[in-house]
PDB file of N, CA and C in Angstrom:
ATOM      1  N   MET A   1      12.463  13.909   0.943  1.00  0.00           N
ATOM      2  CA  MET A   1      12.133  12.794   0.080  1.00  0.00           C
ATOM      3  C   MET A   1      12.655  11.496   0.697  1.00  0.00           C
ATOM      4  N   ILE A   2      11.861  10.468   0.593  1.00  0.00           N
ATOM      5  CA  ILE A   2      12.244   9.157   1.117  1.00  0.00           C
ATOM      6  C   ILE A   2      12.487   8.220  -0.047  1.00  0.00           C
ATOM      7  N   LYS A   3      13.634   7.546  -0.025  1.00  0.00           N
ATOM      8  CA  LYS A   3      13.947   6.555  -1.048  1.00  0.00           C
ATOM      9  C   LYS A   3      14.031   5.198  -0.361  1.00  0.00           C
ATOM     10  N   PRO A   4      13.051   4.328  -0.608  1.00  0.00           N
ATOM     11  CA  PRO A   4      13.089   3.000   0.004  1.00  0.00           C
ATOM     12  C   PRO A   4      14.307   2.207  -0.473  1.00  0.00           C
ATOM     13  N   LEU A   5      14.803   1.338   0.389  1.00  0.00           N
ATOM     14  CA  LEU A   5      15.940   0.483   0.062  1.00  0.00           C
ATOM     15  C   LEU A   5      15.461  -0.904  -0.347  1.00  0.00           C
ATOM     16  N   GLU A   6      16.303  -1.602  -1.080  1.00  0.00           N
ATOM     17  CA  GLU A   6      16.062  -2.990  -1.501  1.00  0.00           C
ATOM     18  C   GLU A   6      14.665  -3.177  -2.083  1.00  0.00           C
ATOM     19  N   ASP A   7      13.881  -4.123  -1.511  1.00  0.00           N
ATOM     20  CA  ASP A   7      12.566  -4.434  -2.066  1.00  0.00           C
ATOM     21  C   ASP A   7      11.441  -3.793  -1.247  1.00  0.00           C
ATOM     22  N   ARG A   8      11.698  -2.579  -0.753  1.00  0.00           N
ATOM     23  CA  ARG A   8      10.690  -1.870   0.040  1.00  0.00           C
ATOM     24  C   ARG A   8       9.978  -0.825  -0.806  1.00  0.00           C
ATOM     25  N   VAL A   9       8.740  -0.522  -0.377  1.00  0.00           N
ATOM     26  CA  VAL A   9       7.866   0.392  -1.110  1.00  0.00           C
ATOM     27  C   VAL A   9       7.274   1.390  -0.125  1.00  0.00           C
ATOM     28  N   LEU A  10       7.259   2.672  -0.490  1.00  0.00           N
ATOM     29  CA  LEU A  10       6.614   3.714   0.308  1.00  0.00           C
ATOM     30  C   LEU A  10       5.191   3.866  -0.209  1.00  0.00           C
ATOM     31  N   ILE A  11       4.209   3.707   0.689  1.00  0.00           N
ATOM     32  CA  ILE A  11       2.796   3.721   0.308  1.00  0.00           C
ATOM     33  C   ILE A  11       2.059   4.806   1.080  1.00  0.00           C
ATOM     34  N   GLU A  12       1.213   5.543   0.374  1.00  0.00           N
ATOM     35  CA  GLU A  12       0.298   6.480   1.022  1.00  0.00           C
ATOM     36  C   GLU A  12      -1.039   5.759   1.167  1.00  0.00           C
ATOM     37  N   PRO A  13      -1.484   5.499   2.412  1.00  0.00           N
ATOM     38  CA  PRO A  13      -2.722   4.745   2.595  1.00  0.00           C
ATOM     39  C   PRO A  13      -3.925   5.490   2.033  1.00  0.00           C
ATOM     40  N   ILE A  14      -4.887   4.729   1.518  1.00  0.00           N
ATOM     41  CA  ILE A  14      -6.154   5.276   1.051  1.00  0.00           C
ATOM     42  C   ILE A  14      -7.209   4.767   2.022  1.00  0.00           C
ATOM     43  N   SER A  15      -7.866   5.686   2.723  1.00  0.00           N
ATOM     44  CA  SER A  15      -8.873   5.279   3.708  1.00  0.00           C
ATOM     45  C   SER A  15     -10.270   5.385   3.116  1.00  0.00           C
ATOM     46  N   GLN A  16     -11.253   4.910   3.851  1.00  0.00           N
ATOM     47  CA  GLN A  16     -12.651   4.978   3.405  1.00  0.00           C
ATOM     48  C   GLN A  16     -13.075   6.428   3.154  1.00  0.00           C
ATOM     49  N   GLU A  17     -12.549   7.362   3.944  1.00  0.00           N
ATOM     50  CA  GLU A  17     -12.916   8.770   3.769  1.00  0.00           C
ATOM     51  C   GLU A  17     -12.431   9.321   2.429  1.00  0.00           C
ATOM     52  N   ASP A  18     -11.371   8.732   1.885  1.00  0.00           N
ATOM     53  CA  ASP A  18     -10.823   9.191   0.609  1.00  0.00           C
ATOM     54  C   ASP A  18     -11.602   8.652  -0.591  1.00  0.00           C
ATOM     55  N   LEU A  19     -12.437   7.654  -0.350  1.00  0.00           N
ATOM     56  CA  LEU A  19     -13.231   7.072  -1.437  1.00  0.00           C
ATOM     57  C   LEU A  19     -14.464   7.925  -1.689  1.00  0.00           C
ATOM     58  N   PRO A  20     -15.015   7.891  -2.910  1.00  0.00           N
ATOM     59  CA  PRO A  20     -16.271   8.601  -3.164  1.00  0.00           C
ATOM     60  C   PRO A  20     -17.359   8.095  -2.219  1.00  0.00           C
ATOM     61  N   ARG A  21     -18.263   8.974  -1.803  1.00  0.00           N
ATOM     62  CA  ARG A  21     -19.306   8.623  -0.842  1.00  0.00           C
ATOM     63  C   ARG A  21     -20.100   7.396  -1.283  1.00  0.00           C
ATOM     64  N   SER A  22     -20.331   7.255  -2.574  1.00  0.00           N
ATOM     65  CA  SER A  22     -21.111   6.120  -3.075  1.00  0.00           C
ATOM     66  C   SER A  22     -20.416   4.776  -2.846  1.00  0.00           C
ATOM     67  N   MET A  23     -19.087   4.793  -2.656  1.00  0.00           N
ATOM     68  CA  MET A  23     -18.338   3.552  -2.470  1.00  0.00           C
ATOM     69  C   MET A  23     -18.067   3.248  -1.003  1.00  0.00           C
ATOM     70  N   ARG A  24     -18.338   4.190  -0.111  1.00  0.00           N
ATOM     71  CA  ARG A  24     -18.065   3.983   1.309  1.00  0.00           C
ATOM     72  C   ARG A  24     -19.052   2.993   1.897  1.00  0.00           C
ATOM     73  N   GLY A  25     -18.523   2.114   2.741  1.00  0.00           N
ATOM     74  CA  GLY A  25     -19.376   1.222   3.490  1.00  0.00           C
ATOM     75  C   GLY A  25     -19.943   0.057   2.709  1.00  0.00           C
ATOM     76  N   LYS A  26     -19.504  -0.150   1.483  1.00  0.00           N
ATOM     77  CA  LYS A  26     -19.952  -1.325   0.746  1.00  0.00           C
ATOM     78  C   LYS A  26     -18.892  -1.773  -0.240  1.00  0.00           C
ATOM     79  N   THR A  27     -18.976  -3.028  -0.609  1.00  0.00           N
ATOM     80  CA  THR A  27     -18.029  -3.582  -1.571  1.00  0.00           C
ATOM     81  C   THR A  27     -18.507  -3.269  -2.980  1.00  0.00           C
ATOM     82  N   LYS A  28     -17.656  -3.559  -3.975  1.00  0.00           N
ATOM     83  CA  LYS A  28     -18.036  -3.341  -5.370  1.00  0.00           C
ATOM     84  C   LYS A  28     -19.312  -4.078  -5.745  1.00  0.00           C
ATOM     85  N   SER A  29     -19.495  -5.261  -5.172  1.00  0.00           N
ATOM     86  CA  SER A  29     -20.667  -6.057  -5.513  1.00  0.00           C
ATOM     87  C   SER A  29     -21.917  -5.588  -4.769  1.00  0.00           C
ATOM     88  N   GLY A  30     -21.784  -4.578  -3.882  1.00  0.00           N
ATOM     89  CA  GLY A  30     -22.945  -4.011  -3.218  1.00  0.00           C
ATOM     90  C   GLY A  30     -23.182  -4.516  -1.812  1.00  0.00           C
ATOM     91  N   ILE A  31     -22.292  -5.360  -1.282  1.00  0.00           N
ATOM     92  CA  ILE A  31     -22.451  -5.860   0.085  1.00  0.00           C
ATOM     93  C   ILE A  31     -22.172  -4.718   1.052  1.00  0.00           C
ATOM     94  N   VAL A  32     -23.118  -4.449   1.952  1.00  0.00           N
ATOM     95  CA  VAL A  32     -22.973  -3.364   2.920  1.00  0.00           C
ATOM     96  C   VAL A  32     -22.096  -3.835   4.079  1.00  0.00           C
ATOM     97  N   LEU A  33     -21.099  -3.006   4.417  1.00  0.00           N
ATOM     98  CA  LEU A  33     -20.172  -3.324   5.506  1.00  0.00           C
ATOM     99  C   LEU A  33     -20.588  -2.593   6.775  1.00  0.00           C
ATOM    100  N   PRO A  34     -20.396  -3.184   7.957  1.00  0.00           N
ATOM    101  CA  PRO A  34     -20.733  -2.484   9.201  1.00  0.00           C
ATOM    102  C   PRO A  34     -19.791  -1.307   9.433  1.00  0.00           C
ATOM    103  N   ASP A  35     -20.232  -0.349  10.268  1.00  0.00           N
ATOM    104  CA  ASP A  35     -19.420   0.839  10.564  1.00  0.00           C
ATOM    105  C   ASP A  35     -18.053   0.477  11.116  1.00  0.00           C
ATOM    106  N   THR A  36     -17.966  -0.614  11.879  1.00  0.00           N
ATOM    107  CA  THR A  36     -16.674  -0.999  12.464  1.00  0.00           C
ATOM    108  C   THR A  36     -15.666  -1.360  11.384  1.00  0.00           C
ATOM    109  N   ALA A  37     -16.107  -1.871  10.261  1.00  0.00           N
ATOM    110  CA  ALA A  37     -15.196  -2.235   9.171  1.00  0.00           C
ATOM    111  C   ALA A  37     -14.551  -0.999   8.573  1.00  0.00           C
ATOM    112  N   GLU A  38     -15.271   0.120   8.581  1.00  0.00           N
ATOM    113  CA  GLU A  38     -14.710   1.355   8.025  1.00  0.00           C
ATOM    114  C   GLU A  38     -13.594   1.912   8.899  1.00  0.00           C
ATOM    115  N   LYS A  39     -13.580   1.537  10.178  1.00  0.00           N
ATOM    116  CA  LYS A  39     -12.569   2.052  11.095  1.00  0.00           C
ATOM    117  C   LYS A  39     -11.314   1.189  11.115  1.00  0.00           C
ATOM    118  N   GLU A  40     -11.306   0.085  10.394  1.00  0.00           N
ATOM    119  CA  GLU A  40     -10.141  -0.785  10.306  1.00  0.00           C
ATOM    120  C   GLU A  40      -9.004  -0.057   9.595  1.00  0.00           C
ATOM    121  N   LYS A  41      -7.792  -0.562   9.751  1.00  0.00           N
ATOM    122  CA  LYS A  41      -6.640  -0.006   9.045  1.00  0.00           C
ATOM    123  C   LYS A  41      -6.865  -0.089   7.538  1.00  0.00           C
ATOM    124  N   PRO A  42      -6.462   0.918   6.795  1.00  0.00           N
ATOM    125  CA  PRO A  42      -6.606   0.825   5.342  1.00  0.00           C
ATOM    126  C   PRO A  42      -5.746  -0.293   4.779  1.00  0.00           C
ATOM    127  N   GLU A  43      -6.240  -0.929   3.747  1.00  0.00           N
ATOM    128  CA  GLU A  43      -5.497  -2.008   3.110  1.00  0.00           C
ATOM    129  C   GLU A  43      -5.220  -1.683   1.646  1.00  0.00           C
ATOM    130  N   GLN A  44      -5.503  -0.449   1.259  1.00  0.00           N
ATOM    131  CA  GLN A  44      -5.206   0.006  -0.090  1.00  0.00           C
ATOM    132  C   GLN A  44      -4.349   1.255   0.016  1.00  0.00           C
ATOM    133  N   GLY A  45      -3.530   1.474  -0.982  1.00  0.00           N
ATOM    134  CA  GLY A  45      -2.711   2.670  -0.962  1.00  0.00           C
ATOM    135  C   GLY A  45      -2.104   2.954  -2.318  1.00  0.00           C
ATOM    136  N   LYS A  46      -1.550   4.160  -2.412  1.00  0.00           N
ATOM    137  CA  LYS A  46      -0.890   4.595  -3.634  1.00  0.00           C
ATOM    138  C   LYS A  46       0.613   4.519  -3.415  1.00  0.00           C
ATOM    139  N   VAL A  47       1.308   3.907  -4.350  1.00  0.00           N
ATOM    140  CA  VAL A  47       2.764   3.782  -4.261  1.00  0.00           C
ATOM    141  C   VAL A  47       3.387   5.149  -4.544  1.00  0.00           C
ATOM    142  N   ILE A  48       4.175   5.628  -3.593  1.00  0.00           N
ATOM    143  CA  ILE A  48       4.830   6.931  -3.695  1.00  0.00           C
ATOM    144  C   ILE A  48       6.276   6.784  -4.182  1.00  0.00           C
ATOM    145  N   ALA A  49       6.960   5.738  -3.715  1.00  0.00           N
ATOM    146  CA  ALA A  49       8.353   5.498  -4.117  1.00  0.00           C
ATOM    147  C   ALA A  49       8.649   4.007  -4.001  1.00  0.00           C
ATOM    148  N   VAL A  50       9.594   3.546  -4.819  1.00  0.00           N
ATOM    149  CA  VAL A  50       9.936   2.127  -4.890  1.00  0.00           C
ATOM    150  C   VAL A  50      11.451   1.970  -4.819  1.00  0.00           C
ATOM    151  N   GLY A  51      11.892   0.991  -4.039  1.00  0.00           N
ATOM    152  CA  GLY A  51      13.316   0.679  -3.971  1.00  0.00           C
ATOM    153  C   GLY A  51      13.776   0.002  -5.252  1.00  0.00           C
ATOM    154  N   PRO A  52      15.078  -0.218  -5.395  1.00  0.00           N
ATOM    155  CA  PRO A  52      15.621  -0.801  -6.620  1.00  0.00           C
ATOM    156  C   PRO A  52      15.371  -2.301  -6.779  1.00  0.00           C
ATOM    157  N   GLY A  53      14.954  -2.975  -5.709  1.00  0.00           N
ATOM    158  CA  GLY A  53      14.743  -4.429  -5.756  1.00  0.00           C
ATOM    159  C   GLY A  53      15.792  -5.138  -4.934  1.00  0.00           C
ATOM    160  N   ARG A  54      15.478  -6.367  -4.546  1.00  0.00           N
ATOM    161  CA  ARG A  54      16.428  -7.115  -3.720  1.00  0.00           C
ATOM    162  C   ARG A  54      17.472  -7.803  -4.598  1.00  0.00           C
ATOM    163  N   ILE A  55      18.523  -8.256  -3.975  1.00  0.00           N
ATOM    164  CA  ILE A  55      19.599  -8.950  -4.676  1.00  0.00           C
ATOM    165  C   ILE A  55      19.516 -10.426  -4.314  1.00  0.00           C
ATOM    166  N   ASP A  56      19.499 -11.294  -5.329  1.00  0.00           N
ATOM    167  CA  ASP A  56      19.388 -12.734  -5.069  1.00  0.00           C
ATOM    168  C   ASP A  56      20.739 -13.315  -4.643  1.00  0.00           C
ATOM    169  N   SER A  57      20.766 -14.617  -4.390  1.00  0.00           N
ATOM    170  CA  SER A  57      21.986 -15.268  -3.891  1.00  0.00           C
ATOM    171  C   SER A  57      23.134 -15.264  -4.902  1.00  0.00           C
ATOM    172  N   ASN A  58      22.831 -15.016  -6.177  1.00  0.00           N
ATOM    173  CA  ASN A  58      23.872 -14.933  -7.207  1.00  0.00           C
ATOM    174  C   ASN A  58      24.368 -13.516  -7.430  1.00  0.00           C
ATOM    175  N   GLY A  59      23.846 -12.563  -6.639  1.00  0.00           N
ATOM    176  CA  GLY A  59      24.274 -11.175  -6.772  1.00  0.00           C
ATOM    177  C   GLY A  59      23.518 -10.405  -7.841  1.00  0.00           C
ATOM    178  N   LYS A  60      22.476 -10.988  -8.404  1.00  0.00           N
ATOM    179  CA  LYS A  60      21.689 -10.334  -9.450  1.00  0.00           C
ATOM    180  C   LYS A  60      20.495  -9.604  -8.814  1.00  0.00           C
ATOM    181  N   ARG A  61      20.265  -8.364  -9.253  1.00  0.00           N
ATOM    182  CA  ARG A  61      19.155  -7.578  -8.737  1.00  0.00           C
ATOM    183  C   ARG A  61      17.853  -8.059  -9.363  1.00  0.00           C
ATOM    184  N   ILE A  62      16.839  -8.285  -8.524  1.00  0.00           N
ATOM    185  CA  ILE A  62      15.524  -8.712  -8.985  1.00  0.00           C
ATOM    186  C   ILE A  62      14.647  -7.467  -9.073  1.00  0.00           C
ATOM    187  N   PRO A  63      14.163  -7.103 -10.270  1.00  0.00           N
ATOM    188  CA  PRO A  63      13.375  -5.872 -10.419  1.00  0.00           C
ATOM    189  C   PRO A  63      12.038  -5.957  -9.684  1.00  0.00           C
ATOM    190  N   MET A  64      11.525  -4.800  -9.307  1.00  0.00           N
ATOM    191  CA  MET A  64      10.255  -4.709  -8.583  1.00  0.00           C
ATOM    192  C   MET A  64       9.083  -4.874  -9.555  1.00  0.00           C
ATOM    193  N   ASN A  65       7.982  -5.414  -9.044  1.00  0.00           N
ATOM    194  CA  ASN A  65       6.768  -5.589  -9.842  1.00  0.00           C
ATOM    195  C   ASN A  65       5.838  -4.382  -9.764  1.00  0.00           C
ATOM    196  N   VAL A  66       6.047  -3.510  -8.773  1.00  0.00           N
ATOM    197  CA  VAL A  66       5.208  -2.318  -8.630  1.00  0.00           C
ATOM    198  C   VAL A  66       6.008  -1.090  -9.019  1.00  0.00           C
ATOM    199  N   LYS A  67       5.293  -0.033  -9.369  1.00  0.00           N
ATOM    200  CA  LYS A  67       5.964   1.217  -9.737  1.00  0.00           C
ATOM    201  C   LYS A  67       5.243   2.403  -9.098  1.00  0.00           C
ATOM    202  N   LYS A  68       5.886   3.533  -9.077  1.00  0.00           N
ATOM    203  CA  LYS A  68       5.312   4.750  -8.522  1.00  0.00           C
ATOM    204  C   LYS A  68       3.979   5.026  -9.214  1.00  0.00           C
ATOM    205  N   GLY A  69       2.958   5.346  -8.406  1.00  0.00           N
ATOM    206  CA  GLY A  69       1.643   5.669  -8.941  1.00  0.00           C
ATOM    207  C   GLY A  69       0.658   4.505  -8.914  1.00  0.00           C
ATOM    208  N   ASP A  70       1.150   3.268  -8.757  1.00  0.00           N
ATOM    209  CA  ASP A  70       0.252   2.113  -8.690  1.00  0.00           C
ATOM    210  C   ASP A  70      -0.622   2.200  -7.445  1.00  0.00           C
ATOM    211  N   ILE A  71      -1.874   1.755  -7.569  1.00  0.00           N
ATOM    212  CA  ILE A  71      -2.752   1.580  -6.418  1.00  0.00           C
ATOM    213  C   ILE A  71      -2.667   0.104  -6.062  1.00  0.00           C
ATOM    214  N   VAL A  72      -2.323  -0.176  -4.800  1.00  0.00           N
ATOM    215  CA  VAL A  72      -2.053  -1.556  -4.399  1.00  0.00           C
ATOM    216  C   VAL A  72      -2.918  -1.977  -3.217  1.00  0.00           C
ATOM    217  N   LEU A  73      -3.088  -3.283  -3.111  1.00  0.00           N
ATOM    218  CA  LEU A  73      -3.755  -3.922  -1.980  1.00  0.00           C
ATOM    219  C   LEU A  73      -2.645  -4.601  -1.194  1.00  0.00           C
ATOM    220  N   PHE A  74      -2.572  -4.352   0.133  1.00  0.00           N
ATOM    221  CA  PHE A  74      -1.471  -4.902   0.915  1.00  0.00           C
ATOM    222  C   PHE A  74      -1.987  -5.567   2.183  1.00  0.00           C
ATOM    223  N   THR A  75      -1.141  -6.384   2.811  1.00  0.00           N
ATOM    224  CA  THR A  75      -1.520  -7.062   4.042  1.00  0.00           C
ATOM    225  C   THR A  75      -1.744  -6.033   5.144  1.00  0.00           C
ATOM    226  N   LYS A  76      -2.685  -6.317   5.997  1.00  0.00           N
ATOM    227  CA  LYS A  76      -3.112  -5.357   7.018  1.00  0.00           C
ATOM    228  C   LYS A  76      -2.010  -5.017   8.015  1.00  0.00           C
ATOM    229  N   TYR A  77      -1.277  -6.014   8.485  1.00  0.00           N
ATOM    230  CA  TYR A  77      -0.317  -5.763   9.557  1.00  0.00           C
ATOM    231  C   TYR A  77       1.145  -5.888   9.126  1.00  0.00           C
ATOM    232  N   GLY A  78       1.431  -6.012   7.835  1.00  0.00           N
ATOM    233  CA  GLY A  78       2.791  -6.158   7.354  1.00  0.00           C
ATOM    234  C   GLY A  78       3.604  -4.866   7.341  1.00  0.00           C
ATOM    235  N   PRO A  79       3.058  -3.774   6.790  1.00  0.00           N
ATOM    236  CA  PRO A  79       3.836  -2.542   6.648  1.00  0.00           C
ATOM    237  C   PRO A  79       4.142  -1.840   7.970  1.00  0.00           C
ATOM    238  N   SER A  80       5.227  -1.081   7.985  1.00  0.00           N
ATOM    239  CA  SER A  80       5.586  -0.241   9.127  1.00  0.00           C
ATOM    240  C   SER A  80       5.019   1.152   8.904  1.00  0.00           C
ATOM    241  N   GLU A  81       4.435   1.733   9.951  1.00  0.00           N
ATOM    242  CA  GLU A  81       3.860   3.072   9.854  1.00  0.00           C
ATOM    243  C   GLU A  81       4.927   4.113  10.156  1.00  0.00           C
ATOM    244  N   ILE A  82       4.941   5.185   9.348  1.00  0.00           N
ATOM    245  CA  ILE A  82       5.842   6.313   9.607  1.00  0.00           C
ATOM    246  C   ILE A  82       5.045   7.599   9.401  1.00  0.00           C
ATOM    247  N   LYS A  83       5.543   8.689   9.981  1.00  0.00           N
ATOM    248  CA  LYS A  83       4.880   9.981   9.838  1.00  0.00           C
ATOM    249  C   LYS A  83       5.922  10.999   9.396  1.00  0.00           C
ATOM    250  N   ILE A  84       5.620  11.702   8.312  1.00  0.00           N
ATOM    251  CA  ILE A  84       6.517  12.725   7.775  1.00  0.00           C
ATOM    252  C   ILE A  84       5.706  13.994   7.579  1.00  0.00           C
ATOM    253  N   LYS A  85       6.122  15.071   8.234  1.00  0.00           N
ATOM    254  CA  LYS A  85       5.421  16.353   8.127  1.00  0.00           C
ATOM    255  C   LYS A  85       3.918  16.183   8.346  1.00  0.00           C
ATOM    256  N   ASN A  86       3.567  15.505   9.443  1.00  0.00           N
ATOM    257  CA  ASN A  86       2.179  15.265   9.856  1.00  0.00           C
ATOM    258  C   ASN A  86       1.359  14.468   8.854  1.00  0.00           C
ATOM    259  N   LYS A  87       1.991  13.745   7.953  1.00  0.00           N
ATOM    260  CA  LYS A  87       1.288  12.891   7.003  1.00  0.00           C
ATOM    261  C   LYS A  87       1.750  11.458   7.230  1.00  0.00           C
ATOM    262  N   GLU A  88       0.776  10.529   7.256  1.00  0.00           N
ATOM    263  CA  GLU A  88       1.105   9.134   7.520  1.00  0.00           C
ATOM    264  C   GLU A  88       1.381   8.365   6.239  1.00  0.00           C
ATOM    265  N   TYR A  89       2.424   7.535   6.301  1.00  0.00           N
ATOM    266  CA  TYR A  89       2.816   6.672   5.195  1.00  0.00           C
ATOM    267  C   TYR A  89       3.092   5.278   5.742  1.00  0.00           C
ATOM    268  N   LEU A  90       3.247   4.337   4.848  1.00  0.00           N
ATOM    269  CA  LEU A  90       3.613   2.980   5.203  1.00  0.00           C
ATOM    270  C   LEU A  90       4.835   2.578   4.395  1.00  0.00           C
ATOM    271  N   ILE A  91       5.721   1.814   5.012  1.00  0.00           N
ATOM    272  CA  ILE A  91       6.832   1.217   4.280  1.00  0.00           C
ATOM    273  C   ILE A  91       6.615  -0.287   4.352  1.00  0.00           C
ATOM    274  N   ALA A  92       6.491  -0.904   3.184  1.00  0.00           N
ATOM    275  CA  ALA A  92       6.208  -2.332   3.102  1.00  0.00           C
ATOM    276  C   ALA A  92       7.250  -3.023   2.248  1.00  0.00           C
ATOM    277  N   LYS A  93       7.485  -4.287   2.544  1.00  0.00           N
ATOM    278  CA  LYS A  93       8.295  -5.105   1.642  1.00  0.00           C
ATOM    279  C   LYS A  93       7.392  -5.476   0.472  1.00  0.00           C
ATOM    280  N   GLU A  94       7.985  -5.712  -0.667  1.00  0.00           N
ATOM    281  CA  GLU A  94       7.180  -6.056  -1.839  1.00  0.00           C
ATOM    282  C   GLU A  94       6.330  -7.298  -1.577  1.00  0.00           C
ATOM    283  N   GLU A  95       6.819  -8.223  -0.763  1.00  0.00           N
ATOM    284  CA  GLU A  95       6.053  -9.440  -0.475  1.00  0.00           C
ATOM    285  C   GLU A  95       4.772  -9.161   0.312  1.00  0.00           C
ATOM    286  N   ASP A  96       4.681  -7.981   0.966  1.00  0.00           N
ATOM    287  CA  ASP A  96       3.465  -7.601   1.691  1.00  0.00           C
ATOM    288  C   ASP A  96       2.386  -7.051   0.760  1.00  0.00           C
ATOM    289  N   ILE A  97       2.743  -6.778  -0.490  1.00  0.00           N
ATOM    290  CA  ILE A  97       1.771  -6.278  -1.466  1.00  0.00           C
ATOM    291  C   ILE A  97       1.120  -7.484  -2.144  1.00  0.00           C
ATOM    292  N   LEU A  98      -0.205  -7.520  -2.059  1.00  0.00           N
ATOM    293  CA  LEU A  98      -0.952  -8.665  -2.569  1.00  0.00           C
ATOM    294  C   LEU A  98      -1.360  -8.502  -4.013  1.00  0.00           C
ATOM    295  N   ALA A  99      -1.647  -7.262  -4.447  1.00  0.00           N
ATOM    296  CA  ALA A  99      -2.141  -7.044  -5.807  1.00  0.00           C
ATOM    297  C   ALA A  99      -2.020  -5.583  -6.197  1.00  0.00           C
ATOM    298  N   ILE A 100      -1.996  -5.358  -7.500  1.00  0.00           N
ATOM    299  CA  ILE A 100      -2.077  -4.014  -8.059  1.00  0.00           C
ATOM    300  C   ILE A 100      -3.513  -3.856  -8.562  1.00  0.00           C
ATOM    301  N   ILE A 101      -4.168  -2.778  -8.139  1.00  0.00           N
ATOM    302  CA  ILE A 101      -5.554  -2.523  -8.527  1.00  0.00           C
ATOM    303  C   ILE A 101      -5.547  -1.619  -9.756  1.00  0.00           C
ATOM    304  N   SER A 102      -6.235  -2.061 -10.799  1.00  0.00           N
ATOM    305  CA  SER A 102      -6.278  -1.244 -12.023  1.00  0.00           C
ATOM    306  C   SER A 102      -7.690  -0.835 -12.356  1.00  0.00           C
TER     307      SER A 102
END
């Protein structure tokens, strides 16, 4: 088990292959994406674990905005890639997470 520290989040990437076939290769609004776009790094993922939050200059802990189970949109090149038992994960700072998808 991995427990992120401070304001870090463990994310399991969601790739185009994990999406239903009807959603692959196009946006929600129906815009068709080229095949090369599907091969890009995933920018969505499921939060697996969350750190306790960072500590501000006054020594007060700032709570995290994301929680385990959230589906998030994150910056493409911000997170660090790690591999555990042949499965790929990302560790990102909370600031690298752009939105929670509901």
